Structure formats: C-alpha cells, structure tokens
PDB file of N, CA and C in Angstrom:
ATOM      1  N   UNK A   1      14.952-238.506  37.253  1.00  0.00           N
ATOM      2  CA  UNK A   1      14.733-237.730  38.209  1.00  0.00           C
ATOM      3  C   UNK A   1      13.456-236.891  38.070  1.00  0.00           C
ATOM      4  N   UNK A   2      12.597-236.649  39.077  1.00  0.00           N
ATOM      5  CA  UNK A   2      11.196-236.502  39.354  1.00  0.00           C
ATOM      6  C   UNK A   2      10.754-235.409  38.360  1.00  0.00           C
ATOM      7  N   UNK A   3       9.646-235.331  37.986  1.00  0.00           N
ATOM      8  CA  UNK A   3       8.901-234.119  37.179  1.00  0.00           C
ATOM      9  C   UNK A   3       8.557-232.853  37.969  1.00  0.00           C
ATOM     10  N   UNK A   4       8.669-232.047  37.666  1.00  0.00           N
ATOM     11  CA  UNK A   4       8.731-230.462  38.286  1.00  0.00           C
ATOM     12  C   UNK A   4       7.326-229.973  37.744  1.00  0.00           C
ATOM     13  N   UNK A   5       6.694-229.058  38.517  1.00  0.00           N
ATOM     14  CA  UNK A   5       5.764-228.261  37.654  1.00  0.00           C
ATOM     15  C   UNK A   5       4.231-228.633  38.091  1.00  0.00           C
ATOM     16  N   UNK A   6       3.273-228.168  37.617  1.00  0.00           N
ATOM     17  CA  UNK A   6       1.906-228.709  37.887  1.00  0.00           C
ATOM     18  C   UNK A   6       1.393-229.539  36.864  1.00  0.00           C
ATOM     19  N   UNK A   7       0.535-230.472  37.346  1.00  0.00           N
ATOM     20  CA  UNK A   7      -0.535-231.342  36.473  1.00  0.00           C
ATOM     21  C   UNK A   7      -1.631-230.792  36.253  1.00  0.00           C
ATOM     22  N   UNK A   8      -1.743-229.692  35.748  1.00  0.00           N
ATOM     23  CA  UNK A   8      -2.954-229.121  35.088  1.00  0.00           C
ATOM     24  C   UNK A   8      -2.931-229.041  33.665  1.00  0.00           C
ATOM     25  N   UNK A   9      -3.746-229.273  32.928  1.00  0.00           N
ATOM     26  CA  UNK A   9      -4.249-229.799  31.239  1.00  0.00           C
ATOM     27  C   UNK A   9      -5.313-229.167  30.991  1.00  0.00           C
ATOM     28  N   UNK A  10      -5.458-228.896  29.821  1.00  0.00           N
ATOM     29  CA  UNK A  10      -7.070-228.364  29.002  1.00  0.00           C
ATOM     30  C   UNK A  10      -7.345-229.672  28.471  1.00  0.00           C
ATOM     31  N   UNK A  11      -8.515-230.190  28.781  1.00  0.00           N
ATOM     32  CA  UNK A  11      -9.064-231.423  27.879  1.00  0.00           C
ATOM     33  C   UNK A  11      -9.646-230.918  26.624  1.00  0.00           C
ATOM     34  N   UNK A  12      -9.862-231.936  25.985  1.00  0.00           N
ATOM     35  CA  UNK A  12     -10.330-231.914  24.373  1.00  0.00           C
ATOM     36  C   UNK A  12     -12.020-231.152  24.678  1.00  0.00           C
ATOM     37  N   UNK A  13     -12.674-231.396  25.749  1.00  0.00           N
ATOM     38  CA  UNK A  13     -14.085-231.235  26.057  1.00  0.00           C
ATOM     39  C   UNK A  13     -13.897-229.361  26.397  1.00  0.00           C
ATOM     40  N   UNK A  14     -13.043-229.066  26.705  1.00  0.00           N
ATOM     41  CA  UNK A  14     -12.856-227.575  26.585  1.00  0.00           C
ATOM     42  C   UNK A  14     -12.835-227.409  28.573  1.00  0.00           C
ATOM     43  N   UNK A  15     -12.872-228.257  28.936  1.00  0.00           N
ATOM     44  CA  UNK A  15     -12.327-228.201  30.705  1.00  0.00           C
ATOM     45  C   UNK A  15     -11.258-228.174  30.924  1.00  0.00           C
ATOM     46  N   UNK A  16     -10.994-228.030  32.037  1.00  0.00           N
ATOM     47  CA  UNK A  16      -9.619-227.886  32.427  1.00  0.00           C
ATOM     48  C   UNK A  16      -9.449-228.831  33.553  1.00  0.00           C
ATOM     49  N   UNK A  17      -8.219-230.005  33.746  1.00  0.00           N
ATOM     50  CA  UNK A  17      -7.849-230.564  34.906  1.00  0.00           C
ATOM     51  C   UNK A  17      -6.759-230.545  35.631  1.00  0.00           C
ATOM     52  N   UNK A  18      -6.877-230.827  36.822  1.00  0.00           N
ATOM     53  CA  UNK A  18      -5.799-230.591  37.426  1.00  0.00           C
ATOM     54  C   UNK A  18      -5.553-232.122  38.376  1.00  0.00           C
ATOM     55  N   UNK A  19      -4.573-233.044  38.463  1.00  0.00           N
ATOM     56  CA  UNK A  19      -4.179-234.116  39.230  1.00  0.00           C
ATOM     57  C   UNK A  19      -3.245-233.994  40.491  1.00  0.00           C
ATOM     58  N   UNK A  20      -3.428-234.673  41.428  1.00  0.00           N
ATOM     59  CA  UNK A  20      -2.904-234.561  42.659  1.00  0.00           C
ATOM     60  C   UNK A  20      -3.043-236.279  43.153  1.00  0.00           C
ATOM     61  N   UNK A  21      -1.912-236.203  43.995  1.00  0.00           N
ATOM     62  CA  UNK A  21      -1.912-237.768  44.647  1.00  0.00           C
ATOM     63  C   UNK A  21      -2.660-237.694  45.759  1.00  0.00           C
ATOM     64  N   UNK A  22      -3.279-238.614  45.929  1.00  0.00           N
ATOM     65  CA  UNK A  22      -4.404-238.929  46.966  1.00  0.00           C
ATOM     66  C   UNK A  22      -3.484-239.682  47.807  1.00  0.00           C
ATOM     67  N   UNK A  23      -2.576-240.705  47.459  1.00  0.00           N
ATOM     68  CA  UNK A  23      -1.995-241.646  48.505  1.00  0.00           C
ATOM     69  C   UNK A  23      -0.851-242.289  47.740  1.00  0.00           C
ATOM     70  N   UNK A  24      -0.228-243.399  48.435  1.00  0.00           N
ATOM     71  CA  UNK A  24       0.829-244.271  47.875  1.00  0.00           C
ATOM     72  C   UNK A  24       0.535-245.512  48.587  1.00  0.00           C
ATOM     73  N   UNK A  25       0.213-246.636  47.645  1.00  0.00           N
ATOM     74  CA  UNK A  25       0.126-247.588  48.042  1.00  0.00           C
ATOM     75  C   UNK A  25       1.072-248.724  47.460  1.00  0.00           C
ATOM     76  N   UNK A  26       2.089-249.263  48.223  1.00  0.00           N
ATOM     77  CA  UNK A  26       3.025-250.087  47.767  1.00  0.00           C
ATOM     78  C   UNK A  26       3.756-249.390  46.950  1.00  0.00           C
ATOM     79  N   UNK A  27       4.203-248.309  47.193  1.00  0.00           N
ATOM     80  CA  UNK A  27       5.405-247.357  46.536  1.00  0.00           C
ATOM     81  C   UNK A  27       4.611-246.540  45.238  1.00  0.00           C
ATOM     82  N   UNK A  28       3.079-247.209  44.773  1.00  0.00           N
ATOM     83  CA  UNK A  28       2.413-246.605  43.745  1.00  0.00           C
ATOM     84  C   UNK A  28       1.539-245.331  43.847  1.00  0.00           C
ATOM     85  N   UNK A  29       1.546-244.137  43.469  1.00  0.00           N
ATOM     86  CA  UNK A  29       0.681-243.373  43.630  1.00  0.00           C
ATOM     87  C   UNK A  29      -0.862-243.486  43.380  1.00  0.00           C
ATOM     88  N   UNK A  30      -1.841-243.090  43.879  1.00  0.00           N
ATOM     89  CA  UNK A  30      -3.159-243.249  43.745  1.00  0.00           C
ATOM     90  C   UNK A  30      -3.288-241.444  43.275  1.00  0.00           C
ATOM     91  N   UNK A  31      -4.091-241.230  41.995  1.00  0.00           N
ATOM     92  CA  UNK A  31      -4.444-239.796  41.473  1.00  0.00           C
ATOM     93  C   UNK A  31      -5.766-239.605  41.990  1.00  0.00           C
ATOM     94  N   UNK A  32      -6.064-238.477  42.363  1.00  0.00           N
ATOM     95  CA  UNK A  32      -7.393-237.699  42.230  1.00  0.00           C
ATOM     96  C   UNK A  32      -7.482-236.491  41.132  1.00  0.00           C
ATOM     97  N   UNK A  33      -8.207-236.048  40.905  1.00  0.00           N
ATOM     98  CA  UNK A  33      -8.767-235.147  39.763  1.00  0.00           C
ATOM     99  C   UNK A  33      -9.489-234.047  40.430  1.00  0.00           C
ATOM    100  N   UNK A  34      -9.617-232.919  39.942  1.00  0.00           N
ATOM    101  CA  UNK A  34     -10.238-231.678  39.691  1.00  0.00           C
ATOM    102  C   UNK A  34     -10.335-231.174  38.660  1.00  0.00           C
ATOM    103  N   UNK A  35     -11.765-230.776  38.412  1.00  0.00           N
ATOM    104  CA  UNK A  35     -12.202-230.281  36.918  1.00  0.00           C
ATOM    105  C   UNK A  35     -12.626-228.963  37.268  1.00  0.00           C
ATOM    106  N   UNK A  36     -12.788-228.068  36.256  1.00  0.00           N
ATOM    107  CA  UNK A  36     -13.129-226.558  36.542  1.00  0.00           C
ATOM    108  C   UNK A  36     -12.909-226.018  34.916  1.00  0.00           C
ATOM    109  N   UNK A  37     -14.024-224.760  34.637  1.00  0.00           N
ATOM    110  CA  UNK A  37     -14.059-224.238  33.381  1.00  0.00           C
ATOM    111  C   UNK A  37     -12.861-223.356  33.030  1.00  0.00           C
ATOM    112  N   UNK A  38     -11.730-222.969  34.022  1.00  0.00           N
ATOM    113  CA  UNK A  38     -10.544-222.115  34.106  1.00  0.00           C
ATOM    114  C   UNK A  38      -9.527-222.894  34.874  1.00  0.00           C
ATOM    115  N   UNK A  39      -8.285-222.411  33.933  1.00  0.00           N
ATOM    116  CA  UNK A  39      -7.182-222.631  34.721  1.00  0.00           C
ATOM    117  C   UNK A  39      -6.811-222.344  36.285  1.00  0.00           C
ATOM    118  N   UNK A  40      -7.594-221.271  36.466  1.00  0.00           N
ATOM    119  CA  UNK A  40      -7.405-220.443  37.655  1.00  0.00           C
ATOM    120  C   UNK A  40      -8.040-221.244  38.418  1.00  0.00           C
ATOM    121  N   UNK A  41      -9.468-221.533  38.448  1.00  0.00           N
ATOM    122  CA  UNK A  41     -10.440-222.233  39.403  1.00  0.00           C
ATOM    123  C   UNK A  41      -9.180-223.577  39.484  1.00  0.00           C
ATOM    124  N   UNK A  42      -9.057-224.292  38.928  1.00  0.00           N
ATOM    125  CA  UNK A  42      -8.302-225.473  38.829  1.00  0.00           C
ATOM    126  C   UNK A  42      -7.256-225.530  39.985  1.00  0.00           C
ATOM    127  N   UNK A  43      -6.490-224.211  39.750  1.00  0.00           N
ATOM    128  CA  UNK A  43      -5.388-224.120  40.717  1.00  0.00           C
ATOM    129  C   UNK A  43      -5.699-223.800  42.212  1.00  0.00           C
ATOM    130  N   UNK A  44      -6.795-223.139  41.937  1.00  0.00           N
ATOM    131  CA  UNK A  44      -7.314-222.831  43.640  1.00  0.00           C
ATOM    132  C   UNK A  44      -7.866-224.223  44.286  1.00  0.00           C
ATOM    133  N   UNK A  45      -8.486-224.820  43.460  1.00  0.00           N
ATOM    134  CA  UNK A  45      -8.869-226.348  44.199  1.00  0.00           C
ATOM    135  C   UNK A  45      -7.679-226.918  44.528  1.00  0.00           C
ATOM    136  N   UNK A  46      -6.956-226.966  43.785  1.00  0.00           N
ATOM    137  CA  UNK A  46      -5.459-228.103  43.884  1.00  0.00           C
ATOM    138  C   UNK A  46      -4.772-227.354  45.296  1.00  0.00           C
ATOM    139  N   UNK A  47      -4.619-226.153  45.129  1.00  0.00           N
ATOM    140  CA  UNK A  47      -4.084-225.597  46.547  1.00  0.00           C
ATOM    141  C   UNK A  47      -4.741-226.129  47.710  1.00  0.00           C
ATOM    142  N   UNK A  48      -6.332-225.879  47.629  1.00  0.00           N
ATOM    143  CA  UNK A  48      -6.796-226.179  48.822  1.00  0.00           C
ATOM    144  C   UNK A  48      -6.663-227.515  49.335  1.00  0.00           C
ATOM    145  N   UNK A  49      -6.850-228.363  48.006  1.00  0.00           N
ATOM    146  CA  UNK A  49      -6.877-229.810  48.193  1.00  0.00           C
ATOM    147  C   UNK A  49      -5.361-230.098  48.890  1.00  0.00           C
ATOM    148  N   UNK A  50      -4.335-229.602  48.629  1.00  0.00           N
ATOM    149  CA  UNK A  50      -3.067-229.909  49.016  1.00  0.00           C
ATOM    150  C   UNK A  50      -2.929-229.489  50.356  1.00  0.00           C
ATOM    151  N   UNK A  51      -3.164-228.178  50.687  1.00  0.00           N
ATOM    152  CA  UNK A  51      -3.337-227.622  51.936  1.00  0.00           C
ATOM    153  C   UNK A  51      -3.623-228.510  53.070  1.00  0.00           C
ATOM    154  N   UNK A  52      -5.159-229.135  52.676  1.00  0.00           N
ATOM    155  CA  UNK A  52      -6.062-229.932  53.803  1.00  0.00           C
ATOM    156  C   UNK A  52      -4.894-231.292  53.544  1.00  0.00           C
ATOM    157  N   UNK A  53      -4.511-232.021  52.798  1.00  0.00           N
ATOM    158  CA  UNK A  53      -3.614-233.028  52.826  1.00  0.00           C
ATOM    159  C   UNK A  53      -2.450-232.899  53.761  1.00  0.00           C
ATOM    160  N   UNK A  54      -1.880-231.443  53.660  1.00  0.00           N
ATOM    161  CA  UNK A  54      -0.680-231.186  54.222  1.00  0.00           C
ATOM    162  C   UNK A  54      -1.021-231.499  55.931  1.00  0.00           C
ATOM    163  N   UNK A  55      -2.568-230.919  56.338  1.00  0.00           N
ATOM    164  CA  UNK A  55      -2.790-230.628  57.348  1.00  0.00           C
ATOM    165  C   UNK A  55      -2.832-232.385  57.796  1.00  0.00           C
ATOM    166  N   UNK A  56      -3.156-233.224  57.396  1.00  0.00           N
ATOM    167  CA  UNK A  56      -3.564-234.336  57.701  1.00  0.00           C
ATOM    168  C   UNK A  56      -4.977-234.834  57.683  1.00  0.00           C
ATOM    169  N   UNK A  57      -5.684-233.726  57.003  1.00  0.00           N
ATOM    170  CA  UNK A  57      -7.177-234.226  57.008  1.00  0.00           C
ATOM    171  C   UNK A  57      -7.336-235.559  55.975  1.00  0.00           C
ATOM    172  N   UNK A  58      -8.594-235.961  55.870  1.00  0.00           N
ATOM    173  CA  UNK A  58      -9.158-236.838  54.649  1.00  0.00           C
ATOM    174  C   UNK A  58      -9.432-236.090  53.600  1.00  0.00           C
ATOM    175  N   UNK A  59      -8.614-236.898  52.894  1.00  0.00           N
ATOM    176  CA  UNK A  59      -9.025-236.075  51.092  1.00  0.00           C
ATOM    177  C   UNK A  59     -10.311-236.369  50.715  1.00  0.00           C
ATOM    178  N   UNK A  60     -10.957-235.812  49.497  1.00  0.00           N
ATOM    179  CA  UNK A  60     -12.029-235.993  49.014  1.00  0.00           C
ATOM    180  C   UNK A  60     -12.148-237.500  48.865  1.00  0.00           C
ATOM    181  N   UNK A  61     -11.192-238.398  48.577  1.00  0.00           N
ATOM    182  CA  UNK A  61     -11.769-240.073  48.456  1.00  0.00           C
ATOM    183  C   UNK A  61     -12.048-240.582  49.687  1.00  0.00           C
ATOM    184  N   UNK A  62     -11.832-239.688  50.726  1.00  0.00           N
ATOM    185  CA  UNK A  62     -12.149-240.228  52.144  1.00  0.00           C
ATOM    186  C   UNK A  62     -11.124-240.991  52.663  1.00  0.00           C
ATOM    187  N   UNK A  63      -9.831-241.362  52.291  1.00  0.00           N
ATOM    188  CA  UNK A  63      -8.871-241.883  53.158  1.00  0.00           C
ATOM    189  C   UNK A  63      -8.138-240.554  53.808  1.00  0.00           C
ATOM    190  N   UNK A  64      -7.505-241.056  54.800  1.00  0.00           N
ATOM    191  CA  UNK A  64      -6.520-239.967  55.158  1.00  0.00           C
ATOM    192  C   UNK A  64      -5.131-239.681  54.649  1.00  0.00           C
ATOM    193  N   UNK A  65      -4.777-238.902  54.076  1.00  0.00           N
ATOM    194  CA  UNK A  65      -3.532-238.481  53.631  1.00  0.00           C
ATOM    195  C   UNK A  65      -2.506-238.206  54.558  1.00  0.00           C
ATOM    196  N   UNK A  66      -1.096-238.526  54.210  1.00  0.00           N
ATOM    197  CA  UNK A  66       0.365-238.033  54.529  1.00  0.00           C
ATOM    198  C   UNK A  66       1.120-237.606  54.021  1.00  0.00           C
ATOM    199  N   UNK A  67       0.686-237.361  52.500  1.00  0.00           N
ATOM    200  CA  UNK A  67       1.806-237.315  51.755  1.00  0.00           C
ATOM    201  C   UNK A  67       2.267-236.270  51.217  1.00  0.00           C
ATOM    202  N   UNK A  68       1.596-235.107  51.619  1.00  0.00           N
ATOM    203  CA  UNK A  68       2.075-233.680  51.158  1.00  0.00           C
ATOM    204  C   UNK A  68       2.465-232.734  52.323  1.00  0.00           C
ATOM    205  N   UNK A  69       3.534-231.788  52.285  1.00  0.00           N
ATOM    206  CA  UNK A  69       3.737-230.872  52.997  1.00  0.00           C
ATOM    207  C   UNK A  69       4.210-229.415  52.114  1.00  0.00           C
ATOM    208  N   UNK A  70       3.684-228.957  51.907  1.00  0.00           N
ATOM    209  CA  UNK A  70       4.076-227.421  51.158  1.00  0.00           C
ATOM    210  C   UNK A  70       4.421-228.020  49.842  1.00  0.00           C
ATOM    211  N   UNK A  71       3.170-228.938  48.762  1.00  0.00           N
ATOM    212  CA  UNK A  71       3.385-228.944  47.405  1.00  0.00           C
ATOM    213  C   UNK A  71       4.819-230.463  47.918  1.00  0.00           C
ATOM    214  N   UNK A  72       5.147-230.966  48.684  1.00  0.00           N
ATOM    215  CA  UNK A  72       6.241-231.862  48.195  1.00  0.00           C
ATOM    216  C   UNK A  72       5.410-233.340  48.913  1.00  0.00           C
ATOM    217  N   UNK A  73       5.748-234.256  48.140  1.00  0.00           N
ATOM    218  CA  UNK A  73       5.304-235.409  48.275  1.00  0.00           C
ATOM    219  C   UNK A  73       6.452-236.288  48.972  1.00  0.00           C
ATOM    220  N   UNK A  74       6.223-236.889  50.106  1.00  0.00           N
ATOM    221  CA  UNK A  74       6.959-238.124  50.879  1.00  0.00           C
ATOM    222  C   UNK A  74       6.888-239.568  50.052  1.00  0.00           C
ATOM    223  N   UNK A  75       7.993-240.271  50.523  1.00  0.00           N
ATOM    224  CA  UNK A  75       8.001-241.730  50.108  1.00  0.00           C
ATOM    225  C   UNK A  75       7.054-242.517  50.943  1.00  0.00           C
ATOM    226  N   UNK A  76       6.988-242.126  52.327  1.00  0.00           N
ATOM    227  CA  UNK A  76       6.382-242.756  53.077  1.00  0.00           C
ATOM    228  C   UNK A  76       5.434-241.882  54.049  1.00  0.00           C
ATOM    229  N   UNK A  77       4.820-242.601  54.806  1.00  0.00           N
ATOM    230  CA  UNK A  77       3.896-241.801  56.210  1.00  0.00           C
ATOM    231  C   UNK A  77       4.889-241.354  57.439  1.00  0.00           C
ATOM    232  N   UNK A  78       5.883-242.560  57.639  1.00  0.00           N
ATOM    233  CA  UNK A  78       6.753-242.799  58.397  1.00  0.00           C
ATOM    234  C   UNK A  78       8.093-241.626  58.303  1.00  0.00           C
ATOM    235  N   UNK A  79       8.103-241.217  56.905  1.00  0.00           N
ATOM    236  CA  UNK A  79       9.219-240.124  56.676  1.00  0.00           C
ATOM    237  C   UNK A  79       8.429-238.860  56.906  1.00  0.00           C
ATOM    238  N   UNK A  80       7.211-238.509  56.435  1.00  0.00           N
ATOM    239  CA  UNK A  80       6.375-237.193  56.807  1.00  0.00           C
ATOM    240  C   UNK A  80       6.544-237.025  58.260  1.00  0.00           C
ATOM    241  N   UNK A  81       6.062-238.087  59.016  1.00  0.00           N
ATOM    242  CA  UNK A  81       6.037-238.133  60.236  1.00  0.00           C
ATOM    243  C   UNK A  81       7.360-237.569  61.199  1.00  0.00           C
ATOM    244  N   UNK A  82       8.383-238.282  60.131  1.00  0.00           N
ATOM    245  CA  UNK A  82       9.752-237.651  61.086  1.00  0.00           C
ATOM    246  C   UNK A  82       9.944-235.884  60.784  1.00  0.00           C
ATOM    247  N   UNK A  83       9.630-235.728  59.477  1.00  0.00           N
ATOM    248  CA  UNK A  83       9.734-234.341  58.976  1.00  0.00           C
ATOM    249  C   UNK A  83       8.890-233.461  60.142  1.00  0.00           C
ATOM    250  N   UNK A  84       7.449-233.866  60.372  1.00  0.00           N
ATOM    251  CA  UNK A  84       6.769-233.207  61.040  1.00  0.00           C
ATOM    252  C   UNK A  84       7.286-232.691  62.560  1.00  0.00           C
ATOM    253  N   UNK A  85       7.688-233.904  62.854  1.00  0.00           N
ATOM    254  CA  UNK A  85       8.293-234.124  64.446  1.00  0.00           C
ATOM    255  C   UNK A  85       9.609-232.955  64.196  1.00  0.00           C
ATOM    256  N   UNK A  86      10.237-232.974  63.341  1.00  0.00           N
ATOM    257  CA  UNK A  86      11.618-232.186  63.451  1.00  0.00           C
ATOM    258  C   UNK A  86      10.804-230.610  63.422  1.00  0.00           C
ATOM    259  N   UNK A  87       9.764-230.236  62.867  1.00  0.00           N
ATOM    260  CA  UNK A  87       9.228-228.759  62.548  1.00  0.00           C
ATOM    261  C   UNK A  87       8.733-228.461  63.969  1.00  0.00           C
ATOM    262  N   UNK A  88       8.490-229.407  64.941  1.00  0.00           N
ATOM    263  CA  UNK A  88       7.847-228.860  65.974  1.00  0.00           C
ATOM    264  C   UNK A  88       8.269-228.547  67.090  1.00  0.00           C
TER     265      UNK A  88
END
C-alpha cells in the first residue's frame, strides 16, 4: 500500500526539506528536493512545483514532467495522457 501524506521533514541543520517525484525512469522514481527555513515555505514551494508539473511544464531539473495531477502520481506518461484526454 502506498504511503500517504507529505514528504516534508526537519533536517539536523535546522532547515526544512520537502521531496517530490520529478520523473519516473523504468518504474523507478527520481526525486527532487526543496529547502527552506520554515515548514510553510517548503509547503508553498512544493505546491508550486506540483502545480507546474501538473500543467506539463518542465521541472527545476530541466526535464519535462507528466507524472502529477492534483498531487496524484501516475504510473506512466501514457496513463496520465489517457486521464487528461478524458478530462477535456
């Protein structure tokens, strides 16, 4: 069963770290991270990145992302495309 919730943690150095899935390669997730001084700042950054990923824009890593839609990760780009076509 997949984990639910947010990947936001306080680091030993006092900063907050938020992780998100940038892409999936051969079924394996490639993660990106954002850092900030407070939980709220990290949450805002993650929301912005996930919103951009949901629109099909390029993530901070420079690769085009197709894996998010309203915070939900898809198994493949073809599955995401099928869902998007149904929504239109």
